[in-house]
């Protein structure tokens, strides 16, 4: 494909994404852009695949490290709060409250990791088995 054709295709896909985001149906988008409905369908399929690839890349490459960094930071805070030598009861209560909050955040994160993993597997199974369920109605 030459550069001009690629630019026009990218412009059209950007417009399809924009109109979809604004709630337009596929028929409305086709009419607005004066293109066949099949082109809108093909563009939406391409955009869904691009989004899946982007999400999968984020999940594979960044999410595990981000989880680990957050857990490490929470563990560090807890460790520092336990090592703190409070001067009065108010400081003691604040440090214990922070420890409690950090523990709750860790539990939330670890629970969320399981939910995210299950959601990714669910989406992956259904995307590979049925690619028709993610588009907007015609």
Protein backbone atom coordinates (compact mmCIF):
# COMPACT_ATOMS: atom_id res chain seq x y z
CA UNK A 1 0.00 0.00 0.00
CA UNK A 2 1.36 3.43 -0.83
CA UNK A 3 1.59 6.30 1.64
CA UNK A 4 -1.47 8.23 0.45
CA UNK A 5 -3.71 5.17 0.53
CA UNK A 6 -2.49 4.33 4.04
CA UNK A 7 -3.13 7.90 5.18
CA UNK A 8 -6.69 7.84 3.80
CA UNK A 9 -7.33 4.46 5.42
CA UNK A 10 -5.99 5.70 8.78
CA UNK A 11 -8.10 8.88 8.51
CA UNK A 12 -11.21 6.78 7.79
CA UNK A 13 -10.52 4.44 10.71
CA UNK A 14 -9.99 7.42 12.99
CA UNK A 15 -13.34 8.82 11.86
CA UNK A 16 -15.05 5.44 12.37
CA UNK A 17 -13.59 5.31 15.90
CA UNK A 18 -14.70 8.90 16.57
CA UNK A 19 -18.27 8.33 15.39
CA UNK A 20 -18.49 5.03 17.26
CA UNK A 21 -17.31 6.76 20.43
CA UNK A 22 -20.03 9.36 19.92
CA UNK A 23 -22.65 6.62 19.79
CA UNK A 24 -23.37 6.46 16.06
CA UNK A 25 -24.51 3.18 14.55
CA UNK A 26 -22.60 1.51 11.76
CA UNK A 27 -25.26 2.61 9.24
CA UNK A 28 -25.01 6.22 10.42
CA UNK A 29 -21.21 6.13 10.13
CA UNK A 30 -21.40 4.68 6.62
CA UNK A 31 -23.86 7.39 5.59
CA UNK A 32 -21.81 10.17 7.19
CA UNK A 33 -18.54 9.06 5.59
CA UNK A 34 -20.27 8.02 2.36
CA UNK A 35 -18.67 4.60 2.37
CA UNK A 36 -20.11 1.08 2.16
CA UNK A 37 -21.33 -0.50 5.37
CA UNK A 38 -18.90 -3.37 4.76
CA UNK A 39 -15.99 -0.89 5.04
CA UNK A 40 -17.29 0.32 8.40
CA UNK A 41 -17.63 -3.29 9.57
CA UNK A 42 -14.10 -4.09 8.41
CA UNK A 43 -12.71 -0.95 10.10
CA UNK A 44 -14.45 -1.79 13.37
CA UNK A 45 -13.11 -5.33 13.24
CA UNK A 46 -9.61 -3.94 12.65
CA UNK A 47 -10.02 -1.44 15.53
CA UNK A 48 -11.23 -4.19 17.90
CA UNK A 49 -8.25 -6.34 17.01
CA UNK A 50 -5.91 -3.40 17.51
CA UNK A 51 -7.48 -2.75 20.93
CA UNK A 52 -7.18 -6.43 21.90
CA UNK A 53 -3.51 -6.43 20.90
CA UNK A 54 -2.88 -3.25 22.88
CA UNK A 55 -4.63 -4.60 25.99
CA UNK A 56 -2.85 -7.94 25.71
CA UNK A 57 0.51 -6.18 25.36
CA UNK A 58 -0.21 -4.07 28.46
CA UNK A 59 -1.31 -7.11 30.44
CA UNK A 60 1.70 -9.15 29.36
CA UNK A 61 4.38 -6.47 29.58
CA UNK A 62 3.38 -3.87 32.16
CA UNK A 63 0.68 -5.08 34.51
CA UNK A 64 2.72 -7.74 36.37
CA UNK A 65 5.54 -5.28 37.05
CA UNK A 66 3.13 -2.54 38.14
CA UNK A 67 1.46 -4.94 40.56
CA UNK A 68 4.82 -5.94 41.95
CA UNK A 69 5.97 -2.30 42.36
CA UNK A 70 2.77 -1.44 44.22
CA UNK A 71 3.02 -4.48 46.48
CA UNK A 72 6.68 -3.69 47.20
CA UNK A 73 5.79 -0.08 48.05
CA UNK A 74 2.98 -1.18 50.38
CA UNK A 75 5.30 -3.68 52.07
CA UNK A 76 7.91 -0.94 52.54
CA UNK A 77 5.34 1.38 54.11
CA UNK A 78 4.20 -1.35 56.49
CA UNK A 79 7.79 -2.13 57.45
CA UNK A 80 8.57 1.54 58.10
CA UNK A 81 5.40 2.04 60.13
CA UNK A 82 6.23 -0.94 62.35
CA UNK A 83 9.76 0.41 62.84
CA UNK A 84 8.47 3.89 63.71
CA UNK A 85 8.86 4.94 67.34
CA UNK A 86 5.78 7.13 67.90
CA UNK A 87 6.07 9.95 70.41
CA UNK A 88 2.43 9.85 71.46
CA UNK A 89 -0.74 7.79 71.15
CA UNK A 90 -2.01 9.86 68.22
CA UNK A 91 1.07 9.03 66.12
CA UNK A 92 0.82 5.39 67.19
CA UNK A 93 -2.83 5.21 66.11
CA UNK A 94 -2.05 6.90 62.79
CA UNK A 95 0.80 4.49 62.04
CA UNK A 96 -1.41 1.49 62.90
CA UNK A 97 -4.21 2.86 60.74
CA UNK A 98 -1.76 3.21 57.85
CA UNK A 99 -0.60 -0.38 58.36
CA UNK A 100 -4.22 -1.53 58.33
CA UNK A 101 -4.91 0.46 55.14
CA UNK A 102 -1.82 -1.00 53.44
CA UNK A 103 -2.90 -4.52 54.35
CA UNK A 104 -6.37 -3.87 52.96
CA UNK A 105 -4.86 -2.47 49.75
CA UNK A 106 -2.66 -5.54 49.35
CA UNK A 107 -5.67 -7.82 49.75
CA UNK A 108 -7.61 -5.73 47.20
CA UNK A 109 -4.73 -5.85 44.76
CA UNK A 110 -4.23 -9.58 45.10
CA UNK A 111 -7.97 -10.19 44.75
CA UNK A 112 -8.08 -7.90 41.73
CA UNK A 113 -5.19 -9.77 40.14
CA UNK A 114 -7.27 -12.94 40.23
CA UNK A 115 -10.28 -11.13 38.81
CA UNK A 116 -8.20 -9.54 36.06
CA UNK A 117 -6.65 -12.89 35.18
CA UNK A 118 -10.07 -14.56 34.99
CA UNK A 119 -11.45 -11.68 32.89
CA UNK A 120 -8.52 -11.87 30.47
CA UNK A 121 -8.99 -15.61 30.06
CA UNK A 122 -12.74 -15.18 29.60
CA UNK A 123 -12.30 -12.48 26.97
CA UNK A 124 -9.56 -14.42 25.24
CA UNK A 125 -11.73 -17.55 25.04
CA UNK A 126 -14.74 -15.67 23.71
CA UNK A 127 -12.83 -13.49 21.27
CA UNK A 128 -11.17 -16.49 19.68
CA UNK A 129 -14.43 -18.44 19.58
CA UNK A 130 -16.73 -15.64 18.45
CA UNK A 131 -15.51 -12.38 16.98
CA UNK A 132 -19.02 -11.13 16.19
CA UNK A 133 -20.09 -10.23 19.73
CA UNK A 134 -18.03 -7.07 20.27
CA UNK A 135 -19.30 -4.72 17.58
CA UNK A 136 -22.09 -2.18 17.73
CA UNK A 137 -25.34 -3.13 16.14
CA UNK A 138 -25.98 -2.33 12.50
